Amino acid sequence: MLLAYQMAMENPKMVLAEGVEAMEFQELSQQYGISGVPDTVINAAGRVVGAVPEQQMLAELIRTLGK
């Protein structure tokens, strides 16, 4: 999630990042099938599970937004 926040800070007009505590919002966690953290959901169409390098996050963003 830290990487998503960094991307949002660098380009706030294009990226919005919000963090949700999975244990406090269990219904939302179930809706998105969250099983571990960090789990980054991109426009409900893409997903990155775990702490990943910036290039991997960027590749998933491009793949998801290119649909």
C-alpha atoms as a PDB file:
ATOM      1  CA  MET A   1       0.000   0.000   0.000  1.00  0.00           C
ATOM      2  CA  LEU A   2       2.893   2.346   0.639  1.00  0.00           C
ATOM      3  CA  LEU A   3       3.784   2.222  -3.046  1.00  0.00           C
ATOM      4  CA  ALA A   4       0.212   3.180  -4.014  1.00  0.00           C
ATOM      5  CA  TYR A   5       0.402   6.162  -1.646  1.00  0.00           C
ATOM      6  CA  GLN A   6       3.715   7.221  -3.169  1.00  0.00           C
ATOM      7  CA  MET A   7       2.220   7.058  -6.672  1.00  0.00           C
ATOM      8  CA  ALA A   8      -0.776   9.109  -5.526  1.00  0.00           C
ATOM      9  CA  MET A   9       1.492  11.745  -4.004  1.00  0.00           C
ATOM     10  CA  GLU A  10       3.535  11.996  -7.202  1.00  0.00           C
ATOM     11  CA  ASN A  11       0.481  12.304  -9.446  1.00  0.00           C
ATOM     12  CA  PRO A  12      -2.646  13.189  -7.423  1.00  0.00           C
ATOM     13  CA  LYS A  13      -4.696  14.006 -10.538  1.00  0.00           C
ATOM     14  CA  MET A  14      -4.277  10.451 -11.866  1.00  0.00           C
ATOM     15  CA  VAL A  15      -3.934   8.232  -8.786  1.00  0.00           C
ATOM     16  CA  LEU A  16      -6.102   8.044  -5.678  1.00  0.00           C
ATOM     17  CA  ALA A  17      -4.974   5.707  -2.916  1.00  0.00           C
ATOM     18  CA  GLU A  18      -7.023   4.802   0.133  1.00  0.00           C
ATOM     19  CA  GLY A  19      -6.140   2.380   2.897  1.00  0.00           C
ATOM     20  CA  VAL A  20      -8.694   0.210   4.660  1.00  0.00           C
ATOM     21  CA  GLU A  21      -8.070  -1.825   7.803  1.00  0.00           C
ATOM     22  CA  ALA A  22      -9.202  -5.297   6.743  1.00  0.00           C
ATOM     23  CA  MET A  23     -10.063  -6.463  10.266  1.00  0.00           C
ATOM     24  CA  GLU A  24     -12.211  -3.400  10.986  1.00  0.00           C
ATOM     25  CA  PHE A  25     -14.071  -3.510   7.673  1.00  0.00           C
ATOM     26  CA  GLN A  26     -14.652  -7.235   7.297  1.00  0.00           C
ATOM     27  CA  GLU A  27     -17.605  -6.870   4.920  1.00  0.00           C
ATOM     28  CA  LEU A  28     -15.500  -4.822   2.505  1.00  0.00           C
ATOM     29  CA  SER A  29     -12.634  -7.299   2.882  1.00  0.00           C
ATOM     30  CA  GLN A  30     -14.972 -10.159   2.001  1.00  0.00           C
ATOM     31  CA  GLN A  31     -16.388  -8.231  -0.967  1.00  0.00           C
ATOM     32  CA  TYR A  32     -12.913  -7.962  -2.482  1.00  0.00           C
ATOM     33  CA  GLY A  33     -11.677 -11.353  -1.267  1.00  0.00           C
ATOM     34  CA  ILE A  34      -8.852  -9.943   0.841  1.00  0.00           C
ATOM     35  CA  SER A  35      -6.870 -12.775   2.387  1.00  0.00           C
ATOM     36  CA  GLY A  36      -3.640 -11.007   3.303  1.00  0.00           C
ATOM     37  CA  VAL A  37      -2.050  -7.617   3.384  1.00  0.00           C
ATOM     38  CA  PRO A  38      -0.947  -5.602   1.631  1.00  0.00           C
ATOM     39  CA  ASP A  39      -3.508  -6.255  -1.079  1.00  0.00           C
ATOM     40  CA  THR A  40      -3.897  -3.473  -3.624  1.00  0.00           C
ATOM     41  CA  VAL A  41      -7.106  -3.434  -5.661  1.00  0.00           C
ATOM     42  CA  ILE A  42      -7.003  -1.342  -8.838  1.00  0.00           C
ATOM     43  CA  ASN A  43     -10.393  -0.106 -10.063  1.00  0.00           C
ATOM     44  CA  ALA A  44     -11.935  -3.437  -8.983  1.00  0.00           C
ATOM     45  CA  ALA A  45     -10.324  -4.969 -12.101  1.00  0.00           C
ATOM     46  CA  GLY A  46      -6.687  -5.443 -11.147  1.00  0.00           C
ATOM     47  CA  ARG A  47      -4.889  -6.591  -8.052  1.00  0.00           C
ATOM     48  CA  VAL A  48      -1.424  -6.768  -6.569  1.00  0.00           C
ATOM     49  CA  VAL A  49      -0.989  -8.966  -3.505  1.00  0.00           C
ATOM     50  CA  GLY A  50       1.983  -8.432  -1.244  1.00  0.00           C
ATOM     51  CA  ALA A  51       4.760  -5.887  -1.219  1.00  0.00           C
ATOM     52  CA  VAL A  52       6.011  -5.724  -4.790  1.00  0.00           C
ATOM     53  CA  PRO A  53       8.658  -3.704  -6.634  1.00  0.00           C
ATOM     54  CA  GLU A  54       7.541  -0.456  -8.269  1.00  0.00           C
ATOM     55  CA  GLN A  55       7.901  -1.922 -11.779  1.00  0.00           C
ATOM     56  CA  GLN A  56       5.481  -4.745 -10.957  1.00  0.00           C
ATOM     57  CA  MET A  57       2.907  -2.320  -9.522  1.00  0.00           C
ATOM     58  CA  LEU A  58       3.259  -0.060 -12.555  1.00  0.00           C
ATOM     59  CA  ALA A  59       2.876  -3.004 -14.938  1.00  0.00           C
ATOM     60  CA  GLU A  60      -0.378  -4.047 -13.214  1.00  0.00           C
ATOM     61  CA  LEU A  61      -1.672  -0.459 -13.346  1.00  0.00           C
ATOM     62  CA  ILE A  62      -0.951  -0.267 -17.070  1.00  0.00           C
ATOM     63  CA  ARG A  63      -2.470  -3.698 -17.708  1.00  0.00           C
ATOM     64  CA  THR A  64      -5.611  -2.869 -15.737  1.00  0.00           C
ATOM     65  CA  LEU A  65      -6.139   0.611 -17.138  1.00  0.00           C
ATOM     66  CA  GLY A  66      -5.447  -0.581 -20.669  1.00  0.00           C
ATOM     67  CA  LYS A  67      -8.534  -2.816 -20.625  1.00  0.00           C
END
